[in-house]
C-alpha cells in the first residue's frame, strides 16, 4: 500500500471519528433505531457524540501540542499517549452520562461506554506496550454490530462485511506506515471488539 493512501486511510478512519460513524450506521441501516429515536433526540445525540469524541479531544490534543507535551496528533511515541487517552476516556464517560439522560435505546449509551472502557484499557496497556488505537476503534464498531446481531437480532450483515473489509485495509495501512507491529494491530482489534460485544451482552 502506498504511503499517501495509508495516511489518507489513517485520517479518514481516525479513532475519534468511529463513534460518529457507528451511530450513523445504526440510524441508516436499522429501521428500528430510525423510528424509535425522535429527530430532536437524534440531533442531541449527534451533538453529544461529536462534542465529546471529536471536538473536545481535538482541542485537548492541540493544547498538548502547543505546550510541547506531544509532537503531533499522531502521538507516535507511546509516552505521549497517556494523557490524551485518559482525557478521552473521561469525555466518553461524560457523553455516556448525558446520553443516559436522553432515554435512548440502550445500544447508544452502551456503545459509548464500551469505547470508554476500551480507551481505558488502551491507556493501561500503553504504560508497557503500544497498542493500536485505530484498530480498537474499528474493532469496537464491528463488536457493536456483532452484538446487535447476536443479542438483539438486528440484521447488520452488510455493515459487518463492509467494516471487516475496512478493518483489513486499516490494519494494512497502519503496518505500511510502520506505526505498529502485527501483534499490536491484532490486540487493538480484539480489545475494541470485546469491550463493545461483551457490554451489549449484559
Protein backbone atom coordinates (compact mmCIF):
# COMPACT_ATOMS: atom_id res chain seq x y z
CA UNK A 1 0.00 0.00 0.00
CA UNK A 2 1.33 3.44 -0.93
CA UNK A 3 2.24 5.76 1.93
CA UNK A 4 -0.12 8.61 0.85
CA UNK A 5 -3.09 6.22 0.68
CA UNK A 6 -2.17 4.68 4.03
CA UNK A 7 -2.02 8.17 5.57
CA UNK A 8 -5.36 9.05 3.99
CA UNK A 9 -6.99 5.94 5.47
CA UNK A 10 -5.47 6.66 8.88
CA UNK A 11 -7.05 10.13 8.86
CA UNK A 12 -10.40 9.04 7.41
CA UNK A 13 -10.64 6.19 9.93
CA UNK A 14 -9.18 8.02 12.91
CA UNK A 15 -10.46 6.68 16.25
CA UNK A 16 -12.14 9.97 17.20
CA UNK A 17 -14.46 9.56 14.19
CA UNK A 18 -15.51 5.98 14.93
CA UNK A 19 -18.37 6.68 17.38
CA UNK A 20 -19.97 9.08 14.88
CA UNK A 21 -19.60 6.52 12.08
CA UNK A 22 -21.11 3.80 14.27
CA UNK A 23 -24.15 5.88 15.20
CA UNK A 24 -24.66 6.94 11.59
CA UNK A 25 -24.63 3.27 10.55
CA UNK A 26 -27.19 2.40 13.24
CA UNK A 27 -29.61 5.06 12.04
CA UNK A 28 -29.20 4.33 8.33
CA UNK A 29 -29.14 0.52 8.40
CA UNK A 30 -31.78 -0.28 11.01
CA UNK A 31 -35.38 0.88 10.74
CA UNK A 32 -35.84 0.08 14.44
CA UNK A 33 -33.42 2.77 15.57
CA UNK A 34 -34.62 5.20 12.91
CA UNK A 35 -38.21 5.05 14.16
CA UNK A 36 -37.64 4.77 17.92
CA UNK A 37 -35.42 7.87 18.19
CA UNK A 38 -37.15 11.19 17.51
CA UNK A 39 -35.40 13.84 15.36
CA UNK A 40 -34.72 16.14 18.36
CA UNK A 41 -33.21 13.23 20.31
CA UNK A 42 -31.16 12.26 17.27
CA UNK A 43 -29.81 15.79 16.93
CA UNK A 44 -28.94 15.90 20.64
CA UNK A 45 -27.24 12.52 20.33
CA UNK A 46 -25.08 13.63 17.42
CA UNK A 47 -24.19 16.85 19.24
CA UNK A 48 -23.10 14.97 22.37
CA UNK A 49 -21.06 12.46 20.39
CA UNK A 50 -19.38 15.00 18.11
CA UNK A 51 -18.54 17.31 21.00
CA UNK A 52 -17.16 14.65 23.36
CA UNK A 53 -15.49 12.31 20.88
CA UNK A 54 -14.24 14.67 18.18
CA UNK A 55 -14.26 18.39 19.01
CA UNK A 56 -13.03 18.36 22.63
CA UNK A 57 -10.42 15.59 22.13
CA UNK A 58 -9.04 17.52 19.14
CA UNK A 59 -8.85 20.71 21.20
CA UNK A 60 -7.10 18.87 24.05
CA UNK A 61 -4.57 17.36 21.64
CA UNK A 62 -3.95 20.78 20.07
CA UNK A 63 -3.27 22.29 23.50
CA UNK A 64 -0.89 19.44 24.33
CA UNK A 65 0.95 20.01 21.04
CA UNK A 66 1.22 23.74 21.72
CA UNK A 67 2.67 23.03 25.15
CA UNK A 68 5.14 20.52 23.76
CA UNK A 69 3.74 17.54 25.62
CA UNK A 70 3.06 15.67 22.39
CA UNK A 71 4.65 16.19 18.98
CA UNK A 72 1.66 15.68 16.70
CA UNK A 73 -1.88 14.37 16.52
CA UNK A 74 -0.40 11.00 15.55
CA UNK A 75 1.20 10.61 19.01
CA UNK A 76 3.76 8.22 17.59
CA UNK A 77 5.59 7.69 20.88
CA UNK A 78 3.94 5.52 23.50
CA UNK A 79 4.76 8.01 26.27
CA UNK A 80 2.76 10.75 24.52
CA UNK A 81 -0.49 8.82 24.61
CA UNK A 82 -1.28 8.55 28.32
CA UNK A 83 -2.83 12.00 28.91
CA UNK A 84 -4.86 12.06 25.65
CA UNK A 85 -6.16 8.53 26.29
CA UNK A 86 -7.25 9.28 29.86
CA UNK A 87 -8.80 12.59 28.80
CA UNK A 88 -10.71 10.87 26.01
CA UNK A 89 -11.94 8.18 28.41
CA UNK A 90 -13.25 10.88 30.77
CA UNK A 91 -15.01 12.69 27.91
CA UNK A 92 -16.58 9.43 26.77
CA UNK A 93 -17.92 8.81 30.28
CA UNK A 94 -19.44 12.30 30.27
CA UNK A 95 -21.05 11.51 26.90
CA UNK A 96 -22.38 8.24 28.34
CA UNK A 97 -23.94 10.10 31.29
CA UNK A 98 -25.58 12.68 29.02
CA UNK A 99 -26.90 10.02 26.67
CA UNK A 100 -28.50 8.14 29.56
CA UNK A 101 -30.43 11.32 30.34
CA UNK A 102 -31.95 11.26 26.84
CA UNK A 103 -33.64 7.89 27.48
CA UNK A 104 -32.33 6.47 24.21
CA UNK A 105 -32.25 2.77 23.30
CA UNK A 106 -29.55 1.14 25.42
CA UNK A 107 -27.28 0.40 22.48
CA UNK A 108 -26.31 4.06 22.09
CA UNK A 109 -25.01 4.75 25.61
CA UNK A 110 -23.52 1.25 25.77
CA UNK A 111 -21.61 1.91 22.56
CA UNK A 112 -20.03 4.98 24.15
CA UNK A 113 -19.42 3.19 27.46
CA UNK A 114 -17.69 0.40 25.55
CA UNK A 115 -15.47 2.98 23.87
CA UNK A 116 -14.61 4.47 27.28
CA UNK A 117 -13.68 1.05 28.65
CA UNK A 118 -11.60 0.26 25.55
CA UNK A 119 -9.70 3.56 25.74
CA UNK A 120 -9.07 2.99 29.46
CA UNK A 121 -7.63 -0.44 28.69
CA UNK A 122 -5.51 1.17 25.97
CA UNK A 123 -4.17 3.72 28.47
CA UNK A 124 -3.25 0.97 30.94
CA UNK A 125 -1.65 -1.23 28.28
CA UNK A 126 0.16 1.82 26.93
CA UNK A 127 2.32 2.05 30.06
CA UNK A 128 4.13 -1.07 28.84
CA UNK A 129 3.21 -1.55 25.20
CA UNK A 130 1.97 0.47 22.22
CA UNK A 131 -1.40 -0.90 21.17
CA UNK A 132 -3.19 0.25 18.00
CA UNK A 133 -5.93 2.72 18.93
CA UNK A 134 -7.04 2.81 15.27
CA UNK A 135 -7.80 -0.90 15.41
CA UNK A 136 -9.52 -0.51 18.78
CA UNK A 137 -11.86 1.92 17.03
CA UNK A 138 -12.79 -0.26 14.07
CA UNK A 139 -12.84 -3.36 16.26
CA UNK A 140 -15.33 -1.59 18.52
CA UNK A 141 -17.67 -0.86 15.64
CA UNK A 142 -17.56 -4.47 14.48
CA UNK A 143 -18.07 -5.68 18.06
CA UNK A 144 -21.14 -3.45 18.31
CA UNK A 145 -22.60 -4.85 15.11
CA UNK A 146 -21.91 -8.45 16.15
CA UNK A 147 -23.56 -7.69 19.50
CA UNK A 148 -26.64 -6.25 17.79
CA UNK A 149 -26.86 -9.28 15.53
CA UNK A 150 -26.34 -11.80 18.35
CA UNK A 151 -28.35 -10.31 21.21
CA UNK A 152 -30.95 -8.07 19.55
CA UNK A 153 -31.29 -9.97 16.25
CA UNK A 154 -30.76 -6.81 14.22
CA UNK A 155 -29.82 -7.55 10.61
CA UNK A 156 -26.47 -5.80 10.15
CA UNK A 157 -24.79 -8.32 7.85
CA UNK A 158 -23.91 -5.74 5.20
CA UNK A 159 -22.35 -3.27 7.69
CA UNK A 160 -20.38 -6.13 9.27
CA UNK A 161 -18.97 -7.26 5.93
CA UNK A 162 -18.16 -3.68 4.95
CA UNK A 163 -16.44 -2.94 8.26
CA UNK A 164 -14.41 -6.16 8.12
CA UNK A 165 -13.10 -5.06 4.73
CA UNK A 166 -12.34 -1.61 6.12
CA UNK A 167 -10.59 -3.15 9.14
CA UNK A 168 -8.34 -5.15 6.84
CA UNK A 169 -7.44 -2.04 4.85
CA UNK A 170 -6.85 -0.01 8.01
CA UNK A 171 -4.64 -2.66 9.57
CA UNK A 172 -2.63 -2.86 6.36
CA UNK A 173 -2.32 0.94 6.31
CA UNK A 174 -1.00 1.08 9.87
CA UNK A 175 1.53 -1.65 9.08
CA UNK A 176 2.58 0.12 5.87
CA UNK A 177 3.27 3.30 7.85
CA UNK A 178 5.36 1.38 10.35
CA UNK A 179 3.09 2.61 13.14
CA UNK A 180 2.55 -0.83 14.68
CA UNK A 181 3.58 -4.46 14.64
CA UNK A 182 1.09 -7.14 13.54
CA UNK A 183 0.55 -8.15 17.18
CA UNK A 184 -0.32 -4.56 18.15
CA UNK A 185 -2.81 -4.47 15.28
CA UNK A 186 -4.50 -7.74 16.31
CA UNK A 187 -4.51 -6.81 20.00
CA UNK A 188 -6.12 -3.45 19.30
CA UNK A 189 -8.86 -5.03 17.22
CA UNK A 190 -9.54 -7.65 19.89
CA UNK A 191 -9.75 -5.11 22.73
CA UNK A 192 -12.18 -2.91 20.80
CA UNK A 193 -14.31 -5.85 19.67
CA UNK A 194 -14.60 -7.48 23.10
CA UNK A 195 -15.35 -4.27 25.00
CA UNK A 196 -18.33 -3.47 22.79
CA UNK A 197 -19.57 -7.02 22.25
CA UNK A 198 -19.47 -8.00 25.93
CA UNK A 199 -21.19 -4.82 27.11
CA UNK A 200 -24.07 -5.44 24.71
CA UNK A 201 -24.43 -8.94 26.16
CA UNK A 202 -25.31 -7.56 29.60
